[in-house]
Amino acid sequence: MKADNAEWWITVVYEPQADMDKLLFLQELKDIAAPEHDRWLVIGDFNLIYQATDKNNTNLNRRLMGCFRETIDDVHLKEIQLNGHRFTWSNGQNHPTLTRIDRVFLHLGLRTSFPILLPPLLTLANV
């Protein structure tokens, strides 16, 4: 960052499909979240939801939702809300399943002593 010569870590995510691979990914995310990552953006397609409102139906995998929520909490990530539509993925059917799986998370380490003002990062296209 030019303003203060601070370094940022950016992790881009394209989450796997299989449940076991998702759990391995969440553990990997915990493993790389070391204290030296003072400023860290984690962005991408997580292929997971952590709250029921991230899906337009009640077909929920609450175990995976809980694991994702636990990882977010353990790694001290804060979500940056995206501008645009509520959902970021559709299965394209006549009565579609819609989910919000694309996310931007921010971690500001303990050594960061000032607030970061971020403009809206993304505007989502129609799903």
C-alpha atoms as a PDB file:
ATOM      1  CA  MET A   1       0.000   0.000   0.000  1.00  0.00           C
ATOM      2  CA  LYS A   2       1.615   3.224  -1.135  1.00  0.00           C
ATOM      3  CA  ALA A   3       0.029   5.368   1.579  1.00  0.00           C
ATOM      4  CA  ASP A   4       1.993   3.726   4.381  1.00  0.00           C
ATOM      5  CA  ASN A   5       4.242   1.103   2.714  1.00  0.00           C
ATOM      6  CA  ALA A   6       2.209  -1.647   4.353  1.00  0.00           C
ATOM      7  CA  GLU A   7       2.062  -5.090   2.814  1.00  0.00           C
ATOM      8  CA  TRP A   8      -1.199  -6.883   2.108  1.00  0.00           C
ATOM      9  CA  TRP A   9      -1.695 -10.610   1.701  1.00  0.00           C
ATOM     10  CA  ILE A  10      -4.332 -11.542  -0.868  1.00  0.00           C
ATOM     11  CA  THR A  11      -5.719 -15.059  -1.075  1.00  0.00           C
ATOM     12  CA  VAL A  12      -7.940 -15.891  -4.046  1.00  0.00           C
ATOM     13  CA  VAL A  13     -10.316 -18.784  -3.454  1.00  0.00           C
ATOM     14  CA  TYR A  14     -11.952 -21.191  -5.861  1.00  0.00           C
ATOM     15  CA  GLU A  15     -13.491 -23.687  -3.458  1.00  0.00           C
ATOM     16  CA  PRO A  16     -13.799 -27.398  -4.312  1.00  0.00           C
ATOM     17  CA  GLN A  17     -17.140 -29.178  -4.796  1.00  0.00           C
ATOM     18  CA  ALA A  18     -16.849 -32.304  -2.616  1.00  0.00           C
ATOM     19  CA  ASP A  19     -17.736 -31.943   1.071  1.00  0.00           C
ATOM     20  CA  MET A  20     -14.505 -33.586   2.277  1.00  0.00           C
ATOM     21  CA  ASP A  21     -12.463 -31.241   0.058  1.00  0.00           C
ATOM     22  CA  LYS A  22     -14.357 -28.270   1.494  1.00  0.00           C
ATOM     23  CA  LEU A  23     -13.407 -29.338   5.007  1.00  0.00           C
ATOM     24  CA  LEU A  24      -9.769 -29.723   3.942  1.00  0.00           C
ATOM     25  CA  PHE A  25      -9.873 -26.244   2.395  1.00  0.00           C
ATOM     26  CA  LEU A  26     -11.270 -24.713   5.595  1.00  0.00           C
ATOM     27  CA  GLN A  27      -8.473 -26.329   7.584  1.00  0.00           C
ATOM     28  CA  GLU A  28      -5.919 -25.008   5.080  1.00  0.00           C
ATOM     29  CA  LEU A  29      -7.354 -21.513   5.484  1.00  0.00           C
ATOM     30  CA  LYS A  30      -6.891 -21.816   9.252  1.00  0.00           C
ATOM     31  CA  ASP A  31      -3.344 -23.100   8.766  1.00  0.00           C
ATOM     32  CA  ILE A  32      -2.208 -20.144   6.630  1.00  0.00           C
ATOM     33  CA  ALA A  33      -3.755 -17.510   8.890  1.00  0.00           C
ATOM     34  CA  ALA A  34      -0.562 -16.703  10.762  1.00  0.00           C
ATOM     35  CA  PRO A  35      -0.027 -13.569  12.897  1.00  0.00           C
ATOM     36  CA  GLU A  36       2.288 -12.043  10.278  1.00  0.00           C
ATOM     37  CA  HIS A  37      -0.727 -11.572   8.005  1.00  0.00           C
ATOM     38  CA  ASP A  38      -1.481  -8.141   9.392  1.00  0.00           C
ATOM     39  CA  ARG A  39      -3.605  -7.088   6.435  1.00  0.00           C
ATOM     40  CA  TRP A  40      -5.213  -9.899   4.535  1.00  0.00           C
ATOM     41  CA  LEU A  41      -7.920 -10.035   1.875  1.00  0.00           C
ATOM     42  CA  VAL A  42      -9.543 -13.383   1.140  1.00  0.00           C
ATOM     43  CA  ILE A  43     -11.700 -13.195  -1.980  1.00  0.00           C
ATOM     44  CA  GLY A  44     -13.392 -15.522  -4.395  1.00  0.00           C
ATOM     45  CA  ASP A  45     -15.852 -18.335  -4.960  1.00  0.00           C
ATOM     46  CA  PHE A  46     -16.126 -20.182  -1.651  1.00  0.00           C
ATOM     47  CA  ASN A  47     -18.813 -22.602  -2.828  1.00  0.00           C
ATOM     48  CA  LEU A  48     -20.030 -22.499   0.775  1.00  0.00           C
ATOM     49  CA  ILE A  49     -22.568 -20.486   2.701  1.00  0.00           C
ATOM     50  CA  TYR A  50     -22.446 -19.657   6.403  1.00  0.00           C
ATOM     51  CA  GLN A  51     -25.986 -18.406   6.985  1.00  0.00           C
ATOM     52  CA  ALA A  52     -29.416 -19.544   5.815  1.00  0.00           C
ATOM     53  CA  THR A  53     -30.153 -16.199   4.129  1.00  0.00           C
ATOM     54  CA  ASP A  54     -27.351 -16.968   1.646  1.00  0.00           C
ATOM     55  CA  LYS A  55     -29.669 -19.430  -0.116  1.00  0.00           C
ATOM     56  CA  ASN A  56     -33.176 -19.066  -1.523  1.00  0.00           C
ATOM     57  CA  ASN A  57     -34.433 -22.427  -0.239  1.00  0.00           C
ATOM     58  CA  THR A  58     -34.221 -24.551   2.891  1.00  0.00           C
ATOM     59  CA  ASN A  59     -32.008 -27.302   1.455  1.00  0.00           C
ATOM     60  CA  LEU A  60     -29.084 -26.440   3.742  1.00  0.00           C
ATOM     61  CA  ASN A  61     -26.013 -28.350   4.850  1.00  0.00           C
ATOM     62  CA  ARG A  62     -25.897 -26.996   8.385  1.00  0.00           C
ATOM     63  CA  ARG A  63     -22.756 -28.971   9.266  1.00  0.00           C
ATOM     64  CA  LEU A  64     -20.758 -27.285   6.484  1.00  0.00           C
ATOM     65  CA  MET A  65     -22.342 -23.933   7.294  1.00  0.00           C
ATOM     66  CA  GLY A  66     -21.173 -24.316  10.891  1.00  0.00           C
ATOM     67  CA  CYS A  67     -17.650 -25.296   9.812  1.00  0.00           C
ATOM     68  CA  PHE A  68     -17.438 -22.255   7.509  1.00  0.00           C
ATOM     69  CA  ARG A  69     -18.727 -19.929  10.241  1.00  0.00           C
ATOM     70  CA  GLU A  70     -16.239 -21.410  12.717  1.00  0.00           C
ATOM     71  CA  THR A  71     -13.368 -20.862  10.287  1.00  0.00           C
ATOM     72  CA  ILE A  72     -14.388 -17.246   9.658  1.00  0.00           C
ATOM     73  CA  ASP A  73     -14.461 -16.664  13.418  1.00  0.00           C
ATOM     74  CA  ASP A  74     -11.218 -18.561  14.151  1.00  0.00           C
ATOM     75  CA  VAL A  75      -9.287 -16.678  11.470  1.00  0.00           C
ATOM     76  CA  HIS A  76     -10.864 -13.330  12.510  1.00  0.00           C
ATOM     77  CA  LEU A  77     -12.213 -12.490   9.070  1.00  0.00           C
ATOM     78  CA  LYS A  78     -14.791  -9.761   8.570  1.00  0.00           C
ATOM     79  CA  GLU A  79     -16.945  -9.802   5.472  1.00  0.00           C
ATOM     80  CA  ILE A  80     -17.004  -6.780   3.203  1.00  0.00           C
ATOM     81  CA  GLN A  81     -20.522  -6.513   1.879  1.00  0.00           C
ATOM     82  CA  LEU A  82     -20.795  -6.585  -1.892  1.00  0.00           C
ATOM     83  CA  ASN A  83     -22.980  -4.140  -3.783  1.00  0.00           C
ATOM     84  CA  GLY A  84     -25.597  -5.492  -6.133  1.00  0.00           C
ATOM     85  CA  HIS A  85     -27.635  -8.627  -6.024  1.00  0.00           C
ATOM     86  CA  ARG A  86     -28.258 -10.793  -3.000  1.00  0.00           C
ATOM     87  CA  PHE A  87     -27.148 -14.011  -4.715  1.00  0.00           C
ATOM     88  CA  THR A  88     -24.052 -14.682  -6.817  1.00  0.00           C
ATOM     89  CA  TRP A  89     -24.819 -18.131  -8.282  1.00  0.00           C
ATOM     90  CA  SER A  90     -27.792 -19.827  -9.938  1.00  0.00           C
ATOM     91  CA  ASN A  91     -28.277 -23.365 -11.188  1.00  0.00           C
ATOM     92  CA  GLY A  92     -30.158 -21.893 -14.165  1.00  0.00           C
ATOM     93  CA  GLN A  93     -33.330 -23.965 -13.726  1.00  0.00           C
ATOM     94  CA  ASN A  94     -36.923 -22.732 -14.181  1.00  0.00           C
ATOM     95  CA  HIS A  95     -37.226 -22.604 -10.371  1.00  0.00           C
ATOM     96  CA  PRO A  96     -33.587 -21.905  -9.623  1.00  0.00           C
ATOM     97  CA  THR A  97     -31.535 -22.526  -6.562  1.00  0.00           C
ATOM     98  CA  LEU A  98     -29.773 -19.261  -5.795  1.00  0.00           C
ATOM     99  CA  THR A  99     -26.847 -18.884  -3.411  1.00  0.00           C
ATOM    100  CA  ARG A 100     -24.333 -16.308  -2.335  1.00  0.00           C
ATOM    101  CA  ILE A 101     -20.991 -18.068  -2.622  1.00  0.00           C
ATOM    102  CA  ASP A 102     -18.752 -15.244  -3.871  1.00  0.00           C
ATOM    103  CA  ARG A 103     -17.351 -13.241  -0.987  1.00  0.00           C
ATOM    104  CA  VAL A 104     -14.712 -10.757   0.125  1.00  0.00           C
ATOM    105  CA  PHE A 105     -13.280 -11.079   3.620  1.00  0.00           C
ATOM    106  CA  LEU A 106     -10.875  -8.742   5.367  1.00  0.00           C
ATOM    107  CA  HIS A 107      -8.524  -9.457   8.249  1.00  0.00           C
ATOM    108  CA  LEU A 108      -6.779  -6.604   9.993  1.00  0.00           C
ATOM    109  CA  GLY A 109      -4.156  -7.933  12.368  1.00  0.00           C
ATOM    110  CA  LEU A 110      -3.653  -6.831  15.925  1.00  0.00           C
ATOM    111  CA  ARG A 111      -0.788  -4.570  14.896  1.00  0.00           C
ATOM    112  CA  THR A 112      -3.037  -2.499  12.643  1.00  0.00           C
ATOM    113  CA  SER A 113      -4.018   0.512  14.699  1.00  0.00           C
ATOM    114  CA  PHE A 114      -6.100   2.552  12.290  1.00  0.00           C
ATOM    115  CA  PRO A 115      -9.369   2.009  10.453  1.00  0.00           C
ATOM    116  CA  ILE A 116      -9.224   1.200   6.759  1.00  0.00           C
ATOM    117  CA  LEU A 117     -11.836   2.975   4.685  1.00  0.00           C
ATOM    118  CA  LEU A 118     -12.676   0.883   1.660  1.00  0.00           C
ATOM    119  CA  PRO A 119     -14.973   1.912  -1.150  1.00  0.00           C
ATOM    120  CA  PRO A 120     -17.448  -0.695  -2.365  1.00  0.00           C
ATOM    121  CA  LEU A 121     -15.201  -3.315  -3.955  1.00  0.00           C
ATOM    122  CA  LEU A 122     -17.507  -5.136  -6.289  1.00  0.00           C
ATOM    123  CA  THR A 123     -20.785  -4.691  -8.019  1.00  0.00           C
ATOM    124  CA  LEU A 124     -22.304  -8.041  -8.889  1.00  0.00           C
ATOM    125  CA  ALA A 125     -23.744  -8.818 -12.288  1.00  0.00           C
ATOM    126  CA  ASN A 126     -27.249 -10.197 -12.628  1.00  0.00           C
ATOM    127  CA  VAL A 127     -27.529 -13.842 -11.663  1.00  0.00           C
END
